[in-house]
């Protein structure tokens, strides 16, 4: 996986997956 971290904190993280497919993004999020 090659994602860009946009924001990271103690209990959360936001990443840029470079994907616009909702199901794919939600699948990545559960990993």
PDB file of N, CA and C in Angstrom:
ATOM      1  N   UNK A   1       0.840  -1.181   0.000  1.00  0.00           N
ATOM      2  CA  UNK A   1       0.000   0.000   0.000  1.00  0.00           C
ATOM      3  C   UNK A   1       0.880   1.238   0.000  1.00  0.00           C
ATOM      4  N   UNK A   2       0.541   2.153  -0.852  1.00  0.00           N
ATOM      5  CA  UNK A   2       1.319   3.376  -0.968  1.00  0.00           C
ATOM      6  C   UNK A   2       0.371   4.566  -0.864  1.00  0.00           C
ATOM      7  N   UNK A   3       0.068   4.978   0.374  1.00  0.00           N
ATOM      8  CA  UNK A   3      -0.866   6.065   0.621  1.00  0.00           C
ATOM      9  C   UNK A   3      -0.140   7.259   1.214  1.00  0.00           C
ATOM     10  N   UNK A   4      -0.690   8.445   1.001  1.00  0.00           N
ATOM     11  CA  UNK A   4      -0.160   9.661   1.606  1.00  0.00           C
ATOM     12  C   UNK A   4      -0.932   9.946   2.884  1.00  0.00           C
ATOM     13  N   UNK A   5      -0.217  10.136   3.995  1.00  0.00           N
ATOM     14  CA  UNK A   5      -0.854  10.506   5.255  1.00  0.00           C
ATOM     15  C   UNK A   5      -1.127  12.001   5.211  1.00  0.00           C
ATOM     16  N   UNK A   6      -2.400  12.362   5.360  1.00  0.00           N
ATOM     17  CA  UNK A   6      -2.796  13.762   5.351  1.00  0.00           C
ATOM     18  C   UNK A   6      -2.767  14.311   6.770  1.00  0.00           C
ATOM     19  N   UNK A   7      -3.203  13.494   7.742  1.00  0.00           N
ATOM     20  CA  UNK A   7      -3.275  13.926   9.134  1.00  0.00           C
ATOM     21  C   UNK A   7      -3.149  12.706  10.021  1.00  0.00           C
ATOM     22  N   UNK A   8      -2.421  12.828  11.099  1.00  0.00           N
ATOM     23  CA  UNK A   8      -2.316  11.751  12.069  1.00  0.00           C
ATOM     24  C   UNK A   8      -2.284  12.319  13.470  1.00  0.00           C
ATOM     25  N   UNK A   9      -2.985  11.675  14.383  1.00  0.00           N
ATOM     26  CA  UNK A   9      -3.031  12.086  15.784  1.00  0.00           C
ATOM     27  C   UNK A   9      -3.005  10.830  16.638  1.00  0.00           C
ATOM     28  N   UNK A  10      -3.150  10.989  17.926  1.00  0.00           N
ATOM     29  CA  UNK A  10      -3.063   9.874  18.856  1.00  0.00           C
ATOM     30  C   UNK A  10      -4.037   8.746  18.523  1.00  0.00           C
ATOM     31  N   UNK A  11      -5.269   9.102  18.187  1.00  0.00           N
ATOM     32  CA  UNK A  11      -6.296   8.077  17.989  1.00  0.00           C
ATOM     33  C   UNK A  11      -6.939   8.093  16.603  1.00  0.00           C
ATOM     34  N   UNK A  12      -6.356   8.826  15.661  1.00  0.00           N
ATOM     35  CA  UNK A  12      -6.965   8.871  14.331  1.00  0.00           C
ATOM     36  C   UNK A  12      -5.912   9.142  13.263  1.00  0.00           C
ATOM     37  N   UNK A  13      -6.288   8.814  12.036  1.00  0.00           N
ATOM     38  CA  UNK A  13      -5.408   9.065  10.890  1.00  0.00           C
ATOM     39  C   UNK A  13      -6.285   9.303   9.663  1.00  0.00           C
ATOM     40  N   UNK A  14      -5.861  10.213   8.806  1.00  0.00           N
ATOM     41  CA  UNK A  14      -6.525  10.446   7.527  1.00  0.00           C
ATOM     42  C   UNK A  14      -5.497  10.205   6.438  1.00  0.00           C
ATOM     43  N   UNK A  15      -5.907   9.425   5.435  1.00  0.00           N
ATOM     44  CA  UNK A  15      -4.997   9.103   4.338  1.00  0.00           C
ATOM     45  C   UNK A  15      -5.644   9.420   3.001  1.00  0.00           C
ATOM     46  N   UNK A  16      -4.814   9.688   2.010  1.00  0.00           N
ATOM     47  CA  UNK A  16      -5.273   9.864   0.635  1.00  0.00           C
ATOM     48  C   UNK A  16      -5.034   8.547  -0.089  1.00  0.00           C
ATOM     49  N   UNK A  17      -6.107   7.866  -0.445  1.00  0.00           N
ATOM     50  CA  UNK A  17      -6.001   6.573  -1.119  1.00  0.00           C
ATOM     51  C   UNK A  17      -5.877   6.718  -2.631  1.00  0.00           C
ATOM     52  N   UNK A  18      -6.089   7.919  -3.138  1.00  0.00           N
ATOM     53  CA  UNK A  18      -6.092   8.174  -4.584  1.00  0.00           C
ATOM     54  C   UNK A  18      -7.138   7.328  -5.303  1.00  0.00           C
ATOM     55  N   UNK A  19      -8.230   7.015  -4.619  1.00  0.00           N
ATOM     56  CA  UNK A  19      -9.310   6.229  -5.206  1.00  0.00           C
ATOM     57  C   UNK A  19     -10.623   6.983  -5.053  1.00  0.00           C
ATOM     58  N   UNK A  20     -11.498   6.852  -6.041  1.00  0.00           N
ATOM     59  CA  UNK A  20     -12.828   7.453  -5.959  1.00  0.00           C
ATOM     60  C   UNK A  20     -13.912   6.388  -5.827  1.00  0.00           C
ATOM     61  N   UNK A  21     -13.517   5.125  -5.733  1.00  0.00           N
ATOM     62  CA  UNK A  21     -14.466   4.018  -5.607  1.00  0.00           C
ATOM     63  C   UNK A  21     -14.806   3.811  -4.132  1.00  0.00           C
ATOM     64  N   UNK A  22     -16.061   4.074  -3.772  1.00  0.00           N
ATOM     65  CA  UNK A  22     -16.484   4.031  -2.371  1.00  0.00           C
ATOM     66  C   UNK A  22     -16.218   2.677  -1.721  1.00  0.00           C
ATOM     67  N   UNK A  23     -16.592   1.592  -2.372  1.00  0.00           N
ATOM     68  CA  UNK A  23     -16.419   0.259  -1.789  1.00  0.00           C
ATOM     69  C   UNK A  23     -14.944  -0.072  -1.570  1.00  0.00           C
ATOM     70  N   UNK A  24     -14.102   0.324  -2.506  1.00  0.00           N
ATOM     71  CA  UNK A  24     -12.668   0.075  -2.361  1.00  0.00           C
ATOM     72  C   UNK A  24     -12.102   0.867  -1.177  1.00  0.00           C
ATOM     73  N   UNK A  25     -12.493   2.119  -1.061  1.00  0.00           N
ATOM     74  CA  UNK A  25     -11.998   2.963   0.030  1.00  0.00           C
ATOM     75  C   UNK A  25     -12.461   2.425   1.384  1.00  0.00           C
ATOM     76  N   UNK A  26     -13.710   2.003   1.476  1.00  0.00           N
ATOM     77  CA  UNK A  26     -14.210   1.457   2.740  1.00  0.00           C
ATOM     78  C   UNK A  26     -13.492   0.155   3.087  1.00  0.00           C
ATOM     79  N   UNK A  27     -13.159  -0.644   2.098  1.00  0.00           N
ATOM     80  CA  UNK A  27     -12.394  -1.867   2.327  1.00  0.00           C
ATOM     81  C   UNK A  27     -11.007  -1.563   2.861  1.00  0.00           C
ATOM     82  N   UNK A  28     -10.373  -0.547   2.304  1.00  0.00           N
ATOM     83  CA  UNK A  28      -9.054  -0.134   2.785  1.00  0.00           C
ATOM     84  C   UNK A  28      -9.162   0.348   4.227  1.00  0.00           C
ATOM     85  N   UNK A  29     -10.221   1.089   4.519  1.00  0.00           N
ATOM     86  CA  UNK A  29     -10.414   1.637   5.866  1.00  0.00           C
ATOM     87  C   UNK A  29     -10.587   0.578   6.933  1.00  0.00           C
ATOM     88  N   UNK A  30     -11.134  -0.568   6.576  1.00  0.00           N
ATOM     89  CA  UNK A  30     -11.329  -1.617   7.581  1.00  0.00           C
ATOM     90  C   UNK A  30     -10.055  -2.397   7.853  1.00  0.00           C
ATOM     91  N   UNK A  31      -9.065  -2.269   6.968  1.00  0.00           N
ATOM     92  CA  UNK A  31      -7.780  -2.934   7.195  1.00  0.00           C
ATOM     93  C   UNK A  31      -7.032  -2.162   8.227  1.00  0.00           C
TER      94      UNK A  31
END
